[in-house]
Amino acid sequence: PSRTEFCKHIMSAATIAKVRPEASEEQAHRTADRAPSADPPFTLQQLKASIPAECFQPIVWKSLLFFGVDVAIIAGLYSTAALVDSWFFWPVFWLMQGTMFWALFVVGHDCGHGSFSHNRRLNSLIGHLSHSPLLVPYHGWRISHRIHHQTTGHVEDEETWYPLTESEYRNRPLHIRMMRFTPIMLWLFPFYLLRRSPRKHGSHFLPSSDLFRPSEKWDVIVSSIWWLACAALLGWFTYEQGFMALLKYYLGPYIVFIAWLDLVTFLHHNEASLPWYRGEKWSFMKGAISSIDRDYGFINDIHHNIGTHVVHHLFIAIPHYHLKQATQAIRPVLGDYYNYSETGILKSFVRSLKACQYVRDTGDVVYYHRD
């Protein structure tokens, strides 16, 4: 061929290569900035077979021990705060106690998944004892969290921290964008319990909510009664001791607790390199492995290894004290499909707020973009 024809051929190939990512963002291998999104070369059964069988078995005394230790530490911190009673100490107390509230919440989270024990009544009891004092309706949240696990990684169906499409992002008022893309979002959890996410409808407290099946009506009512009892107890405490006592002993730690909850759940599923799916490209397994493991340093053991999130999404029956072992077992099988970040938590949070703004309006496989 002539030199002119050869140049046209090269230019045409370059144009195709440039346009192709716009048409489909699916890829089979990890690149510098994107995790793979093509169908994995392994099955869910193969992943499960790689994990030792004992990892799937809860040890009731060990589960109860972790619950008891959390409660004992919380009680000890309250006793220390009452003895010291100094404004120099209160911020330290809030940070420590709020972190322990978060750890206790994770115990209730395991109860909701049935990984605390195989006894449903025991799970329900410990779940209510863990969540109700934190003003979380145990069954209401357990059920919405079940939906999250069933729809992880799906652009339209995901329950929490789903991506905005580009048109949604550009049509959002400034104050709504500020709630999603600034640290304000760390304190949105109570509003989620009350009203769900902006694209969803319902409440975690009402059995008539779209969240719940008719058969779950009494579970929701029971948890709402527990919630009301704890709210009434806090009201009585405020009446007897005054608002400042409520601030010092409860509101301070509570604010830290919900910040932990929103921070961790956001970081599990928001990273610019992670794929999101629509239509037939989505599957349970592809959604589960589109989450990401993160290292919280010494906090890992305090909040029960919740940062080992990929294997948790794949197999919710694994107790938290087996997650590390299970993760090490599946990493060789996952290969490039294993997502892990060593970046510091606060740096990751700021980076994700900036980078994870919207996904394209169309496409079965999409990644986050930013302005």
Foldseek 3Di string as FASTA:
>chain_A
DDPVVVVVVVVVVVVCVVCVCVAAVADQFDDPQAFHQADAPDDLVVLVVLAPPCLLAADQVVLVVQLVVLVVVLVVLLVVCVVVVDPVCLLVSLQVNLLSLLLLQLSLLLLLLCQNHVDVVVSLVSNLVSCQLLLALSVLVSLLVVQQLQCFQAQQRHFPLHFAAPVRLVPDDPVVLCCQLDLVVLPCVVVCQQAGDPSAGAHSQQCVGPSHDPVCRVSSPVSNVSNVVSVVVLVVCCVVPNPVVCVRSPVSSSSSNSSVVSLLVNQQQFGQRAKGFYDPSDDSLSSLLSTAAEDADPSCVSNLNVSLRSVCSSPVSRGSVSSVSSSVSSCVVCPSSHHYDHDHSVVRSNVRSQAAHHWHPDHRMTGGGHD
